[in-house]
């Protein structure tokens, strides 16, 4: 009597539902793990931003920006440099120096402190007062006008919006 499932021909297509099911389960585990990273890191950064003096709205926008800059807090720069905002090293007060071309921090809270310092320095301009930052689009425009990123503004906005919706619903 032949053993079922050991045939290489004939009924091998009958095993496809099992492979598809297993692939789906692995995909769901991957998605859950990715969301879990967002769930654990985003609140920490949000609380650090709020305690630094940013209001709730700006803090949420900044968390979405940080998630975009770090690929959902999974990038090598975030993990090894503890750099939540993808900041290049430009003599930041709280950075330990440069590592892999980016500012390197001993802890994420120092990265957040440097971002808040950058924001504070740049919000003074009459054209970028926080009063004009009412939505993600105006926040990204503020960042672009102050040369925070080099990417296309529409593409950056799309990425920040994606992570904002993932984190804050």
C-alpha atoms as a PDB file:
ATOM      1  CA  UNK A   1       0.000   0.000   0.000  1.00  0.00           C
ATOM      2  CA  UNK A   2       1.604   3.290  -1.041  1.00  0.00           C
ATOM      3  CA  UNK A   3       1.908   6.065   1.534  1.00  0.00           C
ATOM      4  CA  UNK A   4      -0.171   9.132   0.802  1.00  0.00           C
ATOM      5  CA  UNK A   5       1.704  12.388   0.331  1.00  0.00           C
ATOM      6  CA  UNK A   6       4.933  10.791  -0.832  1.00  0.00           C
ATOM      7  CA  UNK A   7       4.094  10.783  -4.516  1.00  0.00           C
ATOM      8  CA  UNK A   8       5.999  13.223  -6.652  1.00  0.00           C
ATOM      9  CA  UNK A   9       3.538  12.946  -9.504  1.00  0.00           C
ATOM     10  CA  UNK A  10      -0.147  12.627  -9.948  1.00  0.00           C
ATOM     11  CA  UNK A  11      -1.720  13.879  -6.733  1.00  0.00           C
ATOM     12  CA  UNK A  12       0.998  16.389  -5.794  1.00  0.00           C
ATOM     13  CA  UNK A  13      -1.352  19.275  -6.575  1.00  0.00           C
ATOM     14  CA  UNK A  14      -3.562  18.123  -3.719  1.00  0.00           C
ATOM     15  CA  UNK A  15      -0.918  19.439  -1.285  1.00  0.00           C
ATOM     16  CA  UNK A  16      -1.219  23.028  -2.548  1.00  0.00           C
ATOM     17  CA  UNK A  17      -3.982  23.987  -0.088  1.00  0.00           C
ATOM     18  CA  UNK A  18      -1.693  22.998   2.769  1.00  0.00           C
ATOM     19  CA  UNK A  19       1.181  25.092   1.389  1.00  0.00           C
ATOM     20  CA  UNK A  20      -1.094  28.082   0.815  1.00  0.00           C
ATOM     21  CA  UNK A  21      -2.463  27.804   4.355  1.00  0.00           C
ATOM     22  CA  UNK A  22       1.013  27.596   5.861  1.00  0.00           C
ATOM     23  CA  UNK A  23       2.173  30.562   3.774  1.00  0.00           C
ATOM     24  CA  UNK A  24      -0.836  32.556   4.973  1.00  0.00           C
ATOM     25  CA  UNK A  25      -0.096  31.731   8.597  1.00  0.00           C
ATOM     26  CA  UNK A  26       3.541  32.794   8.196  1.00  0.00           C
ATOM     27  CA  UNK A  27       2.418  36.019   6.537  1.00  0.00           C
ATOM     28  CA  UNK A  28       0.031  36.775   9.407  1.00  0.00           C
ATOM     29  CA  UNK A  29       2.814  36.134  11.931  1.00  0.00           C
ATOM     30  CA  UNK A  30       5.032  38.541   9.989  1.00  0.00           C
ATOM     31  CA  UNK A  31       2.327  41.244   9.926  1.00  0.00           C
ATOM     32  CA  UNK A  32       1.562  40.757  13.618  1.00  0.00           C
ATOM     33  CA  UNK A  33       5.268  41.026  14.490  1.00  0.00           C
ATOM     34  CA  UNK A  34       5.587  44.205  12.447  1.00  0.00           C
ATOM     35  CA  UNK A  35       2.562  45.751  14.196  1.00  0.00           C
ATOM     36  CA  UNK A  36       3.934  44.632  17.553  1.00  0.00           C
ATOM     37  CA  UNK A  37       7.102  46.648  16.925  1.00  0.00           C
ATOM     38  CA  UNK A  38       4.972  49.704  16.141  1.00  0.00           C
ATOM     39  CA  UNK A  39       2.840  49.091  19.204  1.00  0.00           C
ATOM     40  CA  UNK A  40       5.821  48.888  21.559  1.00  0.00           C
ATOM     41  CA  UNK A  41       8.077  51.652  20.186  1.00  0.00           C
ATOM     42  CA  UNK A  42       5.555  54.284  19.090  1.00  0.00           C
ATOM     43  CA  UNK A  43       4.090  54.945  22.578  1.00  0.00           C
ATOM     44  CA  UNK A  44       7.572  55.342  24.053  1.00  0.00           C
ATOM     45  CA  UNK A  45       8.514  57.955  21.471  1.00  0.00           C
ATOM     46  CA  UNK A  46       5.108  59.646  21.798  1.00  0.00           C
ATOM     47  CA  UNK A  47       5.577  59.995  25.570  1.00  0.00           C
ATOM     48  CA  UNK A  48       9.104  61.347  25.112  1.00  0.00           C
ATOM     49  CA  UNK A  49       7.844  63.964  22.644  1.00  0.00           C
ATOM     50  CA  UNK A  50       4.965  64.967  24.920  1.00  0.00           C
ATOM     51  CA  UNK A  51       7.287  65.281  27.904  1.00  0.00           C
ATOM     52  CA  UNK A  52       9.593  67.453  25.783  1.00  0.00           C
ATOM     53  CA  UNK A  53       6.854  70.029  25.387  1.00  0.00           C
ATOM     54  CA  UNK A  54       5.325  69.239  21.999  1.00  0.00           C
ATOM     55  CA  UNK A  55       1.544  69.192  21.929  1.00  0.00           C
ATOM     56  CA  UNK A  56      -0.460  66.021  21.227  1.00  0.00           C
ATOM     57  CA  UNK A  57      -1.010  66.744  17.530  1.00  0.00           C
ATOM     58  CA  UNK A  58       2.612  67.563  16.738  1.00  0.00           C
ATOM     59  CA  UNK A  59       3.802  64.620  18.810  1.00  0.00           C
ATOM     60  CA  UNK A  60       1.606  62.224  16.834  1.00  0.00           C
ATOM     61  CA  UNK A  61       2.858  63.677  13.546  1.00  0.00           C
ATOM     62  CA  UNK A  62       6.448  63.307  14.749  1.00  0.00           C
ATOM     63  CA  UNK A  63       5.879  59.673  15.782  1.00  0.00           C
ATOM     64  CA  UNK A  64       4.524  58.908  12.300  1.00  0.00           C
ATOM     65  CA  UNK A  65       7.555  60.666  10.834  1.00  0.00           C
ATOM     66  CA  UNK A  66       9.892  58.605  13.043  1.00  0.00           C
ATOM     67  CA  UNK A  67       8.126  55.404  11.994  1.00  0.00           C
ATOM     68  CA  UNK A  68       8.508  56.389   8.349  1.00  0.00           C
ATOM     69  CA  UNK A  69      12.179  57.293   8.768  1.00  0.00           C
ATOM     70  CA  UNK A  70      12.920  53.967  10.473  1.00  0.00           C
ATOM     71  CA  UNK A  71      10.687  51.635   8.478  1.00  0.00           C
ATOM     72  CA  UNK A  72       8.374  51.041  11.399  1.00  0.00           C
ATOM     73  CA  UNK A  73      11.216  51.156  13.934  1.00  0.00           C
ATOM     74  CA  UNK A  74      12.959  48.219  12.266  1.00  0.00           C
ATOM     75  CA  UNK A  75      15.855  49.845  10.383  1.00  0.00           C
ATOM     76  CA  UNK A  76      19.482  49.178  11.203  1.00  0.00           C
ATOM     77  CA  UNK A  77      19.994  52.879  11.935  1.00  0.00           C
ATOM     78  CA  UNK A  78      17.221  52.797  14.510  1.00  0.00           C
ATOM     79  CA  UNK A  79      18.398  49.580  16.102  1.00  0.00           C
ATOM     80  CA  UNK A  80      22.158  50.196  16.128  1.00  0.00           C
ATOM     81  CA  UNK A  81      22.264  54.011  16.393  1.00  0.00           C
ATOM     82  CA  UNK A  82      19.084  54.428  18.470  1.00  0.00           C
ATOM     83  CA  UNK A  83      18.275  57.177  15.960  1.00  0.00           C
ATOM     84  CA  UNK A  84      14.485  57.489  15.809  1.00  0.00           C
ATOM     85  CA  UNK A  85      14.351  60.270  13.221  1.00  0.00           C
ATOM     86  CA  UNK A  86      16.988  59.257  10.683  1.00  0.00           C
ATOM     87  CA  UNK A  87      19.024  62.350  11.484  1.00  0.00           C
ATOM     88  CA  UNK A  88      22.400  62.684   9.823  1.00  0.00           C
ATOM     89  CA  UNK A  89      25.132  63.790  12.189  1.00  0.00           C
ATOM     90  CA  UNK A  90      25.487  67.574  12.178  1.00  0.00           C
ATOM     91  CA  UNK A  91      26.981  68.180  15.604  1.00  0.00           C
ATOM     92  CA  UNK A  92      23.836  67.378  17.588  1.00  0.00           C
ATOM     93  CA  UNK A  93      24.312  68.022  21.289  1.00  0.00           C
ATOM     94  CA  UNK A  94      23.037  64.663  22.472  1.00  0.00           C
ATOM     95  CA  UNK A  95      24.697  62.461  19.833  1.00  0.00           C
ATOM     96  CA  UNK A  96      27.796  60.449  20.635  1.00  0.00           C
ATOM     97  CA  UNK A  97      29.074  60.980  17.099  1.00  0.00           C
ATOM     98  CA  UNK A  98      28.534  59.470  13.701  1.00  0.00           C
ATOM     99  CA  UNK A  99      27.972  55.817  12.868  1.00  0.00           C
ATOM    100  CA  UNK A 100      27.088  54.564   9.376  1.00  0.00           C
ATOM    101  CA  UNK A 101      26.640  58.179   8.255  1.00  0.00           C
ATOM    102  CA  UNK A 102      23.964  58.982  10.834  1.00  0.00           C
ATOM    103  CA  UNK A 103      23.919  60.463  14.310  1.00  0.00           C
ATOM    104  CA  UNK A 104      24.584  57.793  16.913  1.00  0.00           C
ATOM    105  CA  UNK A 105      22.896  57.910  20.306  1.00  0.00           C
ATOM    106  CA  UNK A 106      23.311  55.930  23.502  1.00  0.00           C
ATOM    107  CA  UNK A 107      19.510  55.896  23.980  1.00  0.00           C
ATOM    108  CA  UNK A 108      16.425  56.771  21.929  1.00  0.00           C
ATOM    109  CA  UNK A 109      15.464  59.622  24.278  1.00  0.00           C
ATOM    110  CA  UNK A 110      18.574  61.545  23.188  1.00  0.00           C
ATOM    111  CA  UNK A 111      17.517  61.184  19.569  1.00  0.00           C
ATOM    112  CA  UNK A 112      14.085  62.546  20.490  1.00  0.00           C
ATOM    113  CA  UNK A 113      15.686  65.440  22.397  1.00  0.00           C
ATOM    114  CA  UNK A 114      17.771  66.359  19.347  1.00  0.00           C
ATOM    115  CA  UNK A 115      14.712  66.238  17.101  1.00  0.00           C
ATOM    116  CA  UNK A 116      12.779  68.508  19.481  1.00  0.00           C
ATOM    117  CA  UNK A 117      15.772  70.901  19.513  1.00  0.00           C
ATOM    118  CA  UNK A 118      15.785  70.892  15.687  1.00  0.00           C
ATOM    119  CA  UNK A 119      12.042  71.544  15.619  1.00  0.00           C
ATOM    120  CA  UNK A 120      12.328  74.367  18.151  1.00  0.00           C
ATOM    121  CA  UNK A 121      15.091  76.076  16.146  1.00  0.00           C
ATOM    122  CA  UNK A 122      13.109  75.897  12.906  1.00  0.00           C
ATOM    123  CA  UNK A 123       9.618  76.785  14.112  1.00  0.00           C
ATOM    124  CA  UNK A 124      10.654  80.385  14.765  1.00  0.00           C
ATOM    125  CA  UNK A 125      10.443  81.271  11.074  1.00  0.00           C
ATOM    126  CA  UNK A 126       7.296  83.287  10.337  1.00  0.00           C
ATOM    127  CA  UNK A 127       6.363  80.861   7.542  1.00  0.00           C
ATOM    128  CA  UNK A 128       6.687  77.742   9.653  1.00  0.00           C
ATOM    129  CA  UNK A 129       4.978  78.680  12.881  1.00  0.00           C
ATOM    130  CA  UNK A 130       3.203  75.726  14.504  1.00  0.00           C
ATOM    131  CA  UNK A 131      -0.081  77.574  13.963  1.00  0.00           C
ATOM    132  CA  UNK A 132       0.117  76.555  10.322  1.00  0.00           C
ATOM    133  CA  UNK A 133       0.687  72.888  11.156  1.00  0.00           C
ATOM    134  CA  UNK A 134      -2.822  71.511  11.363  1.00  0.00           C
ATOM    135  CA  UNK A 135      -2.549  68.248   9.426  1.00  0.00           C
ATOM    136  CA  UNK A 136       0.049  65.805   8.144  1.00  0.00           C
ATOM    137  CA  UNK A 137       0.384  67.639   4.851  1.00  0.00           C
ATOM    138  CA  UNK A 138       1.274  70.939   6.538  1.00  0.00           C
ATOM    139  CA  UNK A 139       3.638  69.096   8.908  1.00  0.00           C
ATOM    140  CA  UNK A 140       5.488  67.444   6.021  1.00  0.00           C
ATOM    141  CA  UNK A 141       5.586  70.775   4.169  1.00  0.00           C
ATOM    142  CA  UNK A 142       7.149  72.351   7.283  1.00  0.00           C
ATOM    143  CA  UNK A 143       9.815  69.620   7.309  1.00  0.00           C
ATOM    144  CA  UNK A 144      10.477  70.021   3.570  1.00  0.00           C
ATOM    145  CA  UNK A 145      10.657  73.836   3.765  1.00  0.00           C
ATOM    146  CA  UNK A 146      13.260  73.479   6.492  1.00  0.00           C
ATOM    147  CA  UNK A 147      15.269  70.893   4.507  1.00  0.00           C
ATOM    148  CA  UNK A 148      14.694  68.043   6.932  1.00  0.00           C
ATOM    149  CA  UNK A 149      14.467  65.512   4.098  1.00  0.00           C
ATOM    150  CA  UNK A 150      15.552  65.383   0.464  1.00  0.00           C
ATOM    151  CA  UNK A 151      12.907  63.000  -0.900  1.00  0.00           C
ATOM    152  CA  UNK A 152       9.930  64.052  -2.978  1.00  0.00           C
ATOM    153  CA  UNK A 153       7.384  65.733  -0.694  1.00  0.00           C
ATOM    154  CA  UNK A 154       4.437  63.695  -1.997  1.00  0.00           C
ATOM    155  CA  UNK A 155       6.291  60.402  -1.473  1.00  0.00           C
ATOM    156  CA  UNK A 156       7.366  61.424   2.027  1.00  0.00           C
ATOM    157  CA  UNK A 157       3.801  62.458   2.888  1.00  0.00           C
ATOM    158  CA  UNK A 158       2.516  59.108   1.635  1.00  0.00           C
ATOM    159  CA  UNK A 159       4.962  57.255   3.902  1.00  0.00           C
ATOM    160  CA  UNK A 160       4.215  59.377   6.965  1.00  0.00           C
ATOM    161  CA  UNK A 161       0.463  59.056   6.351  1.00  0.00           C
ATOM    162  CA  UNK A 162       0.775  55.276   6.072  1.00  0.00           C
ATOM    163  CA  UNK A 163       2.498  55.001   9.456  1.00  0.00           C
ATOM    164  CA  UNK A 164       0.178  57.561  11.063  1.00  0.00           C
ATOM    165  CA  UNK A 165      -2.790  55.394  10.072  1.00  0.00           C
ATOM    166  CA  UNK A 166      -1.023  52.213  11.251  1.00  0.00           C
ATOM    167  CA  UNK A 167      -0.216  53.664  14.666  1.00  0.00           C
ATOM    168  CA  UNK A 168      -3.127  55.972  15.425  1.00  0.00           C
ATOM    169  CA  UNK A 169      -5.851  54.468  13.267  1.00  0.00           C
END
